Amino acid sequence: MICVTGAAGFIGSHLVNTLSKEAAVVHCCDVDHPTMIKPHDLIEHLENNRPDAIFHLGGLSSTTATDTVAITANNILLSCALLEFSINAQVPFVYASSASVYGLGKSGFKENCFSTPLHYYGISKASFDMYVLQKIKDNPKARIFGLRYFNVYGNNEGHKGDQASPVHKFLNQVRSTGQIRIFEGSHNFLRDFVHVDDVVKITKCAINFDKSGIYNVGTGSPRSFLDVANIIVAQTNAGQIIEIPFPDKLVNKYQKFTCSDNTKINSTVCSHGRICLEDGIKRVING
């Protein structure tokens, strides 16, 4: 049996779909889905139904959230409970960290770089990463794998609202209005966009990594928001790109550049190439 938290979310739903096709028995947990195990019942459920692996993808994922009580409960306390259970039960534990821990990236994007998050969500991810690194030192036989997802995009992002990727947002804009609205200066905003299919492959195989630790999950090839818009216009043969003012609420809270350093993860069984942005957007357009 495999446990997946955040199973109704973007990456979680893709992972559950893949695991189910492989005939794996999947026990799903999510906050908002009525037919799934609720987080406050999860530890008791796991104690009575010991899993073969835990994929912890659930949490509060809004980068604009400011309720530190809710963020701590969802992103730190539940994560710590699952971490302790996995260690005590000797169950492999794979969890979603985030490239948001790198902030502006002034220290670089290697896994051992100093964390400088720009918002409470990033702080929560960096905090749990620190707990994990200490637990790995204290429990050398434990199998614990943190995955720092960069900018993930793909199909089925509709429920994410304002937190959806620019690929999803721009496609919706061009289909509904014939225009793509990008922030002024978007040619200078470069992100490491990684397709959800690559993310699921890496997440699945993480339990086979030789060493516990934290690993970047990205392409290592950053592209600009303007690149995304231009690719969508070219592939849909529609759309006009217009610039809009950069919002005040994002000043000093916006990553202008991200780039996964893949040195560490390429030393694992996940050394395969990544889907390029052009092919990834084509997959989204084709559904």
C-alpha atoms as a PDB file:
ATOM      1  CA  MET A   1       0.000   0.000   0.000  1.00  0.00           C
ATOM      2  CA  ILE A   2       1.211   3.497  -0.868  1.00  0.00           C
ATOM      3  CA  CYS A   3       0.103   6.664   0.916  1.00  0.00           C
ATOM      4  CA  VAL A   4      -0.177   9.909  -1.055  1.00  0.00           C
ATOM      5  CA  THR A   5      -1.078  13.184   0.658  1.00  0.00           C
ATOM      6  CA  GLY A   6      -2.307  16.093  -1.424  1.00  0.00           C
ATOM      7  CA  ALA A   7      -3.838  13.491  -3.713  1.00  0.00           C
ATOM      8  CA  ALA A   8      -6.485  15.869  -5.056  1.00  0.00           C
ATOM      9  CA  GLY A   9      -3.880  18.508  -5.862  1.00  0.00           C
ATOM     10  CA  PHE A  10      -2.011  19.148  -9.081  1.00  0.00           C
ATOM     11  CA  ILE A  11       1.089  16.968  -8.718  1.00  0.00           C
ATOM     12  CA  GLY A  12      -0.605  14.567  -6.301  1.00  0.00           C
ATOM     13  CA  SER A  13      -3.437  13.742  -8.697  1.00  0.00           C
ATOM     14  CA  HIS A  14      -0.972  13.011 -11.499  1.00  0.00           C
ATOM     15  CA  LEU A  15       1.055  10.767  -9.172  1.00  0.00           C
ATOM     16  CA  VAL A  16      -2.029   8.877  -7.975  1.00  0.00           C
ATOM     17  CA  ASN A  17      -3.178   8.366 -11.559  1.00  0.00           C
ATOM     18  CA  THR A  18       0.227   6.945 -12.526  1.00  0.00           C
ATOM     19  CA  LEU A  19       0.491   4.678  -9.483  1.00  0.00           C
ATOM     20  CA  SER A  20      -3.063   3.390  -9.983  1.00  0.00           C
ATOM     21  CA  LYS A  21      -2.272   2.431 -13.568  1.00  0.00           C
ATOM     22  CA  GLU A  22       0.593   0.351 -12.206  1.00  0.00           C
ATOM     23  CA  ALA A  23      -1.872  -1.591 -10.031  1.00  0.00           C
ATOM     24  CA  ALA A  24      -0.552  -0.076  -6.824  1.00  0.00           C
ATOM     25  CA  VAL A  25      -2.991   0.172  -3.896  1.00  0.00           C
ATOM     26  CA  VAL A  26      -3.067   3.877  -3.089  1.00  0.00           C
ATOM     27  CA  HIS A  27      -4.477   5.402   0.110  1.00  0.00           C
ATOM     28  CA  CYS A  28      -5.184   9.082  -0.506  1.00  0.00           C
ATOM     29  CA  CYS A  29      -5.246  11.993   1.891  1.00  0.00           C
ATOM     30  CA  ASP A  30      -6.447  15.527   1.197  1.00  0.00           C
ATOM     31  CA  VAL A  31      -7.896  18.430   3.150  1.00  0.00           C
ATOM     32  CA  ASP A  32     -10.774  19.353   0.833  1.00  0.00           C
ATOM     33  CA  HIS A  33     -11.784  16.089  -0.830  1.00  0.00           C
ATOM     34  CA  PRO A  34     -14.772  14.453   0.971  1.00  0.00           C
ATOM     35  CA  THR A  35     -13.952  10.860   0.007  1.00  0.00           C
ATOM     36  CA  MET A  36     -10.338  10.937   1.152  1.00  0.00           C
ATOM     37  CA  ILE A  37      -8.681  10.471   4.533  1.00  0.00           C
ATOM     38  CA  LYS A  38      -8.473  13.754   6.431  1.00  0.00           C
ATOM     39  CA  PRO A  39      -5.075  14.927   7.715  1.00  0.00           C
ATOM     40  CA  HIS A  40      -6.093  14.725  11.388  1.00  0.00           C
ATOM     41  CA  ASP A  41      -6.994  11.049  10.888  1.00  0.00           C
ATOM     42  CA  LEU A  42      -3.953  10.146   8.823  1.00  0.00           C
ATOM     43  CA  ILE A  43      -1.447   9.011  11.460  1.00  0.00           C
ATOM     44  CA  GLU A  44      -3.978   6.706  13.116  1.00  0.00           C
ATOM     45  CA  HIS A  45      -4.894   5.310   9.712  1.00  0.00           C
ATOM     46  CA  LEU A  46      -1.253   4.641   8.891  1.00  0.00           C
ATOM     47  CA  GLU A  47      -0.665   2.965  12.240  1.00  0.00           C
ATOM     48  CA  ASN A  48      -3.474   0.549  11.382  1.00  0.00           C
ATOM     49  CA  ASN A  49      -2.524   0.222   7.710  1.00  0.00           C
ATOM     50  CA  ARG A  50       1.260   0.310   7.448  1.00  0.00           C
ATOM     51  CA  PRO A  51       2.226   1.633   4.009  1.00  0.00           C
ATOM     52  CA  ASP A  52       5.151   0.540   1.862  1.00  0.00           C
ATOM     53  CA  ALA A  53       5.950   4.180   1.090  1.00  0.00           C
ATOM     54  CA  ILE A  54       4.672   7.677   1.830  1.00  0.00           C
ATOM     55  CA  PHE A  55       4.571  10.435  -0.768  1.00  0.00           C
ATOM     56  CA  HIS A  56       3.813  13.628   1.134  1.00  0.00           C
ATOM     57  CA  LEU A  57       2.705  16.237  -1.412  1.00  0.00           C
ATOM     58  CA  GLY A  58      -0.029  17.893   0.636  1.00  0.00           C
ATOM     59  CA  GLY A  59       0.110  21.286   2.266  1.00  0.00           C
ATOM     60  CA  LEU A  60      -0.842  24.919   1.963  1.00  0.00           C
ATOM     61  CA  SER A  61       0.811  25.936  -1.296  1.00  0.00           C
ATOM     62  CA  SER A  62      -0.179  29.585  -1.719  1.00  0.00           C
ATOM     63  CA  THR A  63       2.856  31.852  -1.931  1.00  0.00           C
ATOM     64  CA  THR A  64       0.692  34.811  -0.893  1.00  0.00           C
ATOM     65  CA  ALA A  65      -0.738  33.199   2.274  1.00  0.00           C
ATOM     66  CA  THR A  66      -0.059  35.129   5.497  1.00  0.00           C
ATOM     67  CA  ASP A  67      -1.876  33.042   8.143  1.00  0.00           C
ATOM     68  CA  THR A  68       1.152  31.620   9.926  1.00  0.00           C
ATOM     69  CA  VAL A  69      -0.981  29.375  12.155  1.00  0.00           C
ATOM     70  CA  ALA A  70      -2.538  27.653   9.131  1.00  0.00           C
ATOM     71  CA  ILE A  71       0.793  27.501   7.299  1.00  0.00           C
ATOM     72  CA  THR A  72       2.544  25.974  10.304  1.00  0.00           C
ATOM     73  CA  ALA A  73      -0.224  23.416  10.885  1.00  0.00           C
ATOM     74  CA  ASN A  74      -0.311  22.275   7.266  1.00  0.00           C
ATOM     75  CA  ASN A  75       3.288  22.604   6.132  1.00  0.00           C
ATOM     76  CA  ILE A  76       5.304  21.921   9.279  1.00  0.00           C
ATOM     77  CA  LEU A  77       3.349  20.116  12.018  1.00  0.00           C
ATOM     78  CA  LEU A  78       1.649  17.518   9.800  1.00  0.00           C
ATOM     79  CA  SER A  79       4.906  17.040   7.891  1.00  0.00           C
ATOM     80  CA  CYS A  80       6.778  16.432  11.148  1.00  0.00           C
ATOM     81  CA  ALA A  81       4.164  13.897  12.266  1.00  0.00           C
ATOM     82  CA  LEU A  82       4.542  11.974   9.002  1.00  0.00           C
ATOM     83  CA  LEU A  83       8.321  12.207   9.204  1.00  0.00           C
ATOM     84  CA  GLU A  84       8.356  10.756  12.732  1.00  0.00           C
ATOM     85  CA  PHE A  85       5.954   7.986  11.709  1.00  0.00           C
ATOM     86  CA  SER A  86       8.063   7.044   8.678  1.00  0.00           C
ATOM     87  CA  ILE A  87      11.237   6.842  10.757  1.00  0.00           C
ATOM     88  CA  ASN A  88       9.637   4.772  13.520  1.00  0.00           C
ATOM     89  CA  ALA A  89       7.859   2.459  11.055  1.00  0.00           C
ATOM     90  CA  GLN A  90      10.908   2.255   8.750  1.00  0.00           C
ATOM     91  CA  VAL A  91       8.864   3.427   5.769  1.00  0.00           C
ATOM     92  CA  PRO A  92      10.445   5.378   2.870  1.00  0.00           C
ATOM     93  CA  PHE A  93       9.326   9.020   2.990  1.00  0.00           C
ATOM     94  CA  VAL A  94       9.290  11.277  -0.082  1.00  0.00           C
ATOM     95  CA  TYR A  95       8.046  14.816   0.383  1.00  0.00           C
ATOM     96  CA  ALA A  96       7.536  17.980  -1.631  1.00  0.00           C
ATOM     97  CA  SER A  97       9.867  20.817  -0.812  1.00  0.00           C
ATOM     98  CA  SER A  98      10.099  23.862  -3.052  1.00  0.00           C
ATOM     99  CA  ALA A  99      12.571  25.992  -4.966  1.00  0.00           C
ATOM    100  CA  SER A 100      10.974  28.941  -3.185  1.00  0.00           C
ATOM    101  CA  VAL A 101      13.450  28.292  -0.352  1.00  0.00           C
ATOM    102  CA  TYR A 102      16.168  29.824  -2.567  1.00  0.00           C
ATOM    103  CA  GLY A 103      14.446  33.210  -2.706  1.00  0.00           C
ATOM    104  CA  LEU A 104      16.259  35.501  -5.121  1.00  0.00           C
ATOM    105  CA  GLY A 105      18.957  32.866  -5.548  1.00  0.00           C
ATOM    106  CA  LYS A 106      21.797  35.129  -4.464  1.00  0.00           C
ATOM    107  CA  SER A 107      23.501  32.136  -2.831  1.00  0.00           C
ATOM    108  CA  GLY A 108      22.875  29.927  -5.850  1.00  0.00           C
ATOM    109  CA  PHE A 109      20.580  26.956  -6.428  1.00  0.00           C
ATOM    110  CA  LYS A 110      22.538  24.017  -5.039  1.00  0.00           C
ATOM    111  CA  GLU A 111      20.755  21.994  -2.398  1.00  0.00           C
ATOM    112  CA  ASN A 112      23.245  23.070   0.282  1.00  0.00           C
ATOM    113  CA  CYS A 113      22.878  26.805  -0.442  1.00  0.00           C
ATOM    114  CA  PHE A 114      21.688  29.065   2.336  1.00  0.00           C
ATOM    115  CA  SER A 115      17.898  29.481   2.245  1.00  0.00           C
ATOM    116  CA  THR A 116      16.520  32.999   1.766  1.00  0.00           C
ATOM    117  CA  PRO A 117      12.771  32.606   1.148  1.00  0.00           C
ATOM    118  CA  LEU A 118      10.681  35.656   0.262  1.00  0.00           C
ATOM    119  CA  HIS A 119       7.346  34.641   1.802  1.00  0.00           C
ATOM    120  CA  TYR A 120       5.760  32.530   4.551  1.00  0.00           C
ATOM    121  CA  TYR A 121       5.212  29.528   2.274  1.00  0.00           C
ATOM    122  CA  GLY A 122       8.921  29.465   1.410  1.00  0.00           C
ATOM    123  CA  ILE A 123       9.828  29.869   5.079  1.00  0.00           C
ATOM    124  CA  SER A 124       7.680  26.867   5.998  1.00  0.00           C
ATOM    125  CA  LYS A 125       9.372  24.711   3.352  1.00  0.00           C
ATOM    126  CA  ALA A 126      12.850  25.821   4.412  1.00  0.00           C
ATOM    127  CA  SER A 127      11.996  25.150   8.068  1.00  0.00           C
ATOM    128  CA  PHE A 128      10.850  21.595   7.420  1.00  0.00           C
ATOM    129  CA  ASP A 129      13.906  20.961   5.233  1.00  0.00           C
ATOM    130  CA  MET A 130      16.060  21.860   8.240  1.00  0.00           C
ATOM    131  CA  TYR A 131      14.190  19.378  10.440  1.00  0.00           C
ATOM    132  CA  VAL A 132      14.665  16.728   7.766  1.00  0.00           C
ATOM    133  CA  LEU A 133      18.399  17.273   7.416  1.00  0.00           C
ATOM    134  CA  GLN A 134      18.874  16.910  11.168  1.00  0.00           C
ATOM    135  CA  LYS A 135      16.670  13.796  11.269  1.00  0.00           C
ATOM    136  CA  ILE A 136      18.754  12.238   8.505  1.00  0.00           C
ATOM    137  CA  LYS A 137      21.895  12.818  10.581  1.00  0.00           C
ATOM    138  CA  ASP A 138      20.254  11.333  13.658  1.00  0.00           C
ATOM    139  CA  ASN A 139      18.724   8.385  11.782  1.00  0.00           C
ATOM    140  CA  PRO A 140      21.251   7.230   9.175  1.00  0.00           C
ATOM    141  CA  LYS A 141      19.238   4.135   8.273  1.00  0.00           C
ATOM    142  CA  ALA A 142      16.070   6.095   7.524  1.00  0.00           C
ATOM    143  CA  ARG A 143      15.057   6.632   3.884  1.00  0.00           C
ATOM    144  CA  ILE A 144      13.994  10.264   3.598  1.00  0.00           C
ATOM    145  CA  PHE A 145      13.930  12.206   0.328  1.00  0.00           C
ATOM    146  CA  GLY A 146      12.992  15.859  -0.083  1.00  0.00           C
ATOM    147  CA  LEU A 147      12.261  17.097  -3.608  1.00  0.00           C
ATOM    148  CA  ARG A 148      12.643  20.800  -4.284  1.00  0.00           C
ATOM    149  CA  TYR A 149      10.214  21.278  -7.136  1.00  0.00           C
ATOM    150  CA  PHE A 150      10.920  24.247  -9.345  1.00  0.00           C
ATOM    151  CA  ASN A 151       8.142  25.792 -11.499  1.00  0.00           C
ATOM    152  CA  VAL A 152       5.895  22.837 -12.302  1.00  0.00           C
ATOM    153  CA  TYR A 153       3.335  23.084 -15.106  1.00  0.00           C
ATOM    154  CA  GLY A 154       1.047  20.696 -16.976  1.00  0.00           C
ATOM    155  CA  ASN A 155      -2.567  19.669 -17.456  1.00  0.00           C
ATOM    156  CA  ASN A 156      -5.231  19.917 -14.740  1.00  0.00           C
ATOM    157  CA  GLU A 157      -4.107  23.121 -13.041  1.00  0.00           C
ATOM    158  CA  GLY A 158      -7.564  24.706 -13.119  1.00  0.00           C
ATOM    159  CA  HIS A 159      -8.182  24.393  -9.363  1.00  0.00           C
ATOM    160  CA  LYS A 160      -4.984  26.298  -8.507  1.00  0.00           C
ATOM    161  CA  GLY A 161      -6.445  29.705  -9.351  1.00  0.00           C
ATOM    162  CA  ASP A 162      -3.878  32.487  -9.063  1.00  0.00           C
ATOM    163  CA  GLN A 163      -1.204  29.935  -8.091  1.00  0.00           C
ATOM    164  CA  ALA A 164      -1.394  28.196 -11.480  1.00  0.00           C
ATOM    165  CA  SER A 165       1.629  28.283 -13.773  1.00  0.00           C
ATOM    166  CA  PRO A 166       1.988  30.967 -16.459  1.00  0.00           C
ATOM    167  CA  VAL A 167       1.548  28.203 -19.045  1.00  0.00           C
ATOM    168  CA  HIS A 168      -1.954  27.530 -17.714  1.00  0.00           C
ATOM    169  CA  LYS A 169      -2.784  31.213 -17.251  1.00  0.00           C
ATOM    170  CA  PHE A 170      -1.532  32.318 -20.669  1.00  0.00           C
ATOM    171  CA  LEU A 171      -3.351  29.490 -22.447  1.00  0.00           C
ATOM    172  CA  ASN A 172      -6.606  30.426 -20.713  1.00  0.00           C
ATOM    173  CA  GLN A 173      -6.095  34.071 -21.618  1.00  0.00           C
ATOM    174  CA  VAL A 174      -5.425  33.445 -25.300  1.00  0.00           C
ATOM    175  CA  ARG A 175      -8.408  31.094 -25.549  1.00  0.00           C
ATOM    176  CA  SER A 176     -10.833  33.451 -23.806  1.00  0.00           C
ATOM    177  CA  THR A 177      -9.652  36.903 -24.901  1.00  0.00           C
ATOM    178  CA  GLY A 178      -7.150  36.420 -27.713  1.00  0.00           C
ATOM    179  CA  GLN A 179      -4.564  38.241 -25.616  1.00  0.00           C
ATOM    180  CA  ILE A 180      -1.748  37.249 -23.240  1.00  0.00           C
ATOM    181  CA  ARG A 181      -1.021  39.730 -20.459  1.00  0.00           C
ATOM    182  CA  ILE A 182       2.527  39.698 -19.158  1.00  0.00           C
ATOM    183  CA  PHE A 183       4.211  41.921 -16.609  1.00  0.00           C
ATOM    184  CA  GLU A 184       6.439  44.680 -17.884  1.00  0.00           C
ATOM    185  CA  GLY A 185      10.000  43.394 -18.054  1.00  0.00           C
ATOM    186  CA  SER A 186       8.941  39.750 -18.399  1.00  0.00           C
ATOM    187  CA  HIS A 187      11.813  39.083 -20.792  1.00  0.00           C
ATOM    188  CA  ASN A 188      14.018  39.487 -17.713  1.00  0.00           C
ATOM    189  CA  PHE A 189      11.984  37.110 -15.522  1.00  0.00           C
ATOM    190  CA  LEU A 190      13.455  33.634 -16.014  1.00  0.00           C
ATOM    191  CA  ARG A 191      12.162  30.521 -14.273  1.00  0.00           C
ATOM    192  CA  ASP A 192      12.999  26.829 -14.423  1.00  0.00           C
ATOM    193  CA  PHE A 193       9.752  25.440 -15.859  1.00  0.00           C
ATOM    194  CA  VAL A 194       9.497  21.666 -15.389  1.00  0.00           C
ATOM    195  CA  HIS A 195       6.673  19.548 -16.813  1.00  0.00           C
ATOM    196  CA  VAL A 196       4.562  17.557 -14.364  1.00  0.00           C
ATOM    197  CA  ASP A 197       5.325  14.310 -16.249  1.00  0.00           C
ATOM    198  CA  ASP A 198       9.016  14.708 -15.383  1.00  0.00           C
ATOM    199  CA  VAL A 199       8.118  15.598 -11.804  1.00  0.00           C
ATOM    200  CA  VAL A 200       5.996  12.458 -11.391  1.00  0.00           C
ATOM    201  CA  LYS A 201       8.742  10.228 -12.840  1.00  0.00           C
ATOM    202  CA  ILE A 202      11.292  11.654 -10.429  1.00  0.00           C
ATOM    203  CA  THR A 203       8.919  11.551  -7.456  1.00  0.00           C
ATOM    204  CA  LYS A 204       8.129   7.896  -8.100  1.00  0.00           C
ATOM    205  CA  CYS A 205      11.736   6.806  -8.395  1.00  0.00           C
ATOM    206  CA  ALA A 206      12.971   8.882  -5.438  1.00  0.00           C
ATOM    207  CA  ILE A 207      12.353   5.962  -3.066  1.00  0.00           C
ATOM    208  CA  ASN A 208      15.114   4.143  -4.978  1.00  0.00           C
ATOM    209  CA  PHE A 209      17.735   6.832  -4.417  1.00  0.00           C
ATOM    210  CA  ASP A 210      20.848   5.493  -2.716  1.00  0.00           C
ATOM    211  CA  LYS A 211      21.161   8.342  -0.208  1.00  0.00           C
ATOM    212  CA  SER A 212      18.638  10.206   1.886  1.00  0.00           C
ATOM    213  CA  GLY A 213      18.682  13.945   1.331  1.00  0.00           C
ATOM    214  CA  ILE A 214      17.176  16.884  -0.501  1.00  0.00           C
ATOM    215  CA  TYR A 215      17.226  17.002  -4.294  1.00  0.00           C
ATOM    216  CA  ASN A 216      16.388  19.673  -6.856  1.00  0.00           C
ATOM    217  CA  VAL A 217      13.701  18.813  -9.404  1.00  0.00           C
ATOM    218  CA  GLY A 218      13.963  21.084 -12.434  1.00  0.00           C
ATOM    219  CA  THR A 219      15.315  21.199 -15.964  1.00  0.00           C
ATOM    220  CA  GLY A 220      18.405  23.284 -15.345  1.00  0.00           C
ATOM    221  CA  SER A 221      17.380  25.455 -18.329  1.00  0.00           C
ATOM    222  CA  PRO A 222      15.560  28.621 -17.254  1.00  0.00           C
ATOM    223  CA  ARG A 223      13.252  30.368 -19.715  1.00  0.00           C
ATOM    224  CA  SER A 224      11.549  33.745 -19.608  1.00  0.00           C
ATOM    225  CA  PHE A 225       7.859  34.458 -19.171  1.00  0.00           C
ATOM    226  CA  LEU A 226       8.025  36.107 -22.581  1.00  0.00           C
ATOM    227  CA  ASP A 227       9.320  32.807 -24.003  1.00  0.00           C
ATOM    228  CA  VAL A 228       6.245  31.056 -22.591  1.00  0.00           C
ATOM    229  CA  ALA A 229       3.930  33.624 -24.176  1.00  0.00           C
ATOM    230  CA  ASN A 230       5.688  33.478 -27.545  1.00  0.00           C
ATOM    231  CA  ILE A 231       5.610  29.661 -27.628  1.00  0.00           C
ATOM    232  CA  ILE A 232       1.882  29.639 -26.884  1.00  0.00           C
ATOM    233  CA  VAL A 233       1.196  32.213 -29.600  1.00  0.00           C
ATOM    234  CA  ALA A 234       3.258  30.206 -32.096  1.00  0.00           C
ATOM    235  CA  GLN A 235       1.667  26.855 -31.212  1.00  0.00           C
ATOM    236  CA  THR A 236      -1.937  28.107 -31.125  1.00  0.00           C
ATOM    237  CA  ASN A 237      -1.576  30.482 -34.091  1.00  0.00           C
ATOM    238  CA  ALA A 238      -3.484  33.018 -32.047  1.00  0.00           C
ATOM    239  CA  GLY A 239      -3.014  35.722 -29.469  1.00  0.00           C
ATOM    240  CA  GLN A 240      -1.536  39.145 -28.961  1.00  0.00           C
ATOM    241  CA  ILE A 241       0.985  39.784 -26.203  1.00  0.00           C
ATOM    242  CA  ILE A 242       0.432  42.942 -24.170  1.00  0.00           C
ATOM    243  CA  GLU A 243       2.398  44.252 -21.188  1.00  0.00           C
ATOM    244  CA  ILE A 244       0.767  45.260 -17.904  1.00  0.00           C
ATOM    245  CA  PRO A 245       2.313  47.056 -14.888  1.00  0.00           C
ATOM    246  CA  PHE A 246       4.121  44.946 -12.323  1.00  0.00           C
ATOM    247  CA  PRO A 247       1.833  44.676  -9.241  1.00  0.00           C
ATOM    248  CA  ASP A 248       2.924  46.460  -6.085  1.00  0.00           C
ATOM    249  CA  LYS A 249       1.964  43.468  -3.911  1.00  0.00           C
ATOM    250  CA  LEU A 250       4.694  41.351  -5.537  1.00  0.00           C
ATOM    251  CA  VAL A 251       7.542  43.831  -5.105  1.00  0.00           C
ATOM    252  CA  ASN A 252      10.365  42.138  -3.136  1.00  0.00           C
ATOM    253  CA  LYS A 253       8.328  38.892  -3.023  1.00  0.00           C
ATOM    254  CA  TYR A 254       8.889  37.698  -6.581  1.00  0.00           C
ATOM    255  CA  GLN A 255      11.580  35.339  -7.805  1.00  0.00           C
ATOM    256  CA  LYS A 256      13.001  36.876 -10.962  1.00  0.00           C
ATOM    257  CA  PHE A 257      15.304  33.927 -11.694  1.00  0.00           C
ATOM    258  CA  THR A 258      15.354  30.244 -10.799  1.00  0.00           C
ATOM    259  CA  CYS A 259      17.584  27.500 -12.179  1.00  0.00           C
ATOM    260  CA  SER A 260      17.856  23.997 -10.819  1.00  0.00           C
ATOM    261  CA  ASP A 261      21.389  22.790 -10.250  1.00  0.00           C
ATOM    262  CA  ASN A 262      20.937  19.163 -11.324  1.00  0.00           C
ATOM    263  CA  THR A 263      24.365  17.909 -10.314  1.00  0.00           C
ATOM    264  CA  LYS A 264      23.061  15.979  -7.310  1.00  0.00           C
ATOM    265  CA  ILE A 265      19.936  14.466  -8.842  1.00  0.00           C
ATOM    266  CA  ASN A 266      21.800  13.508 -12.017  1.00  0.00           C
ATOM    267  CA  SER A 267      23.966  11.228  -9.867  1.00  0.00           C
ATOM    268  CA  THR A 268      20.855   9.167  -9.083  1.00  0.00           C
ATOM    269  CA  VAL A 269      18.652   6.857 -11.144  1.00  0.00           C
ATOM    270  CA  CYS A 270      16.868  10.029 -12.343  1.00  0.00           C
ATOM    271  CA  SER A 271      19.661  11.266 -14.591  1.00  0.00           C
ATOM    272  CA  HIS A 272      17.422  11.192 -17.689  1.00  0.00           C
ATOM    273  CA  GLY A 273      16.748  14.343 -19.717  1.00  0.00           C
ATOM    274  CA  ARG A 274      13.825  16.652 -19.123  1.00  0.00           C
ATOM    275  CA  ILE A 275      10.976  17.697 -21.408  1.00  0.00           C
ATOM    276  CA  CYS A 276      11.827  21.008 -23.086  1.00  0.00           C
ATOM    277  CA  LEU A 277       9.426  23.916 -22.727  1.00  0.00           C
ATOM    278  CA  GLU A 278       8.236  23.771 -26.338  1.00  0.00           C
ATOM    279  CA  ASP A 279       7.338  20.071 -26.091  1.00  0.00           C
ATOM    280  CA  GLY A 280       5.850  20.499 -22.627  1.00  0.00           C
ATOM    281  CA  ILE A 281       3.534  23.285 -23.741  1.00  0.00           C
ATOM    282  CA  LYS A 282       2.508  21.173 -26.739  1.00  0.00           C
ATOM    283  CA  ARG A 283       1.512  18.388 -24.316  1.00  0.00           C
ATOM    284  CA  VAL A 284      -0.650  20.852 -22.369  1.00  0.00           C
ATOM    285  CA  ILE A 285      -2.311  22.188 -25.529  1.00  0.00           C
ATOM    286  CA  ASN A 286      -3.034  18.669 -26.779  1.00  0.00           C
ATOM    287  CA  GLY A 287      -4.441  17.672 -23.402  1.00  0.00           C
END
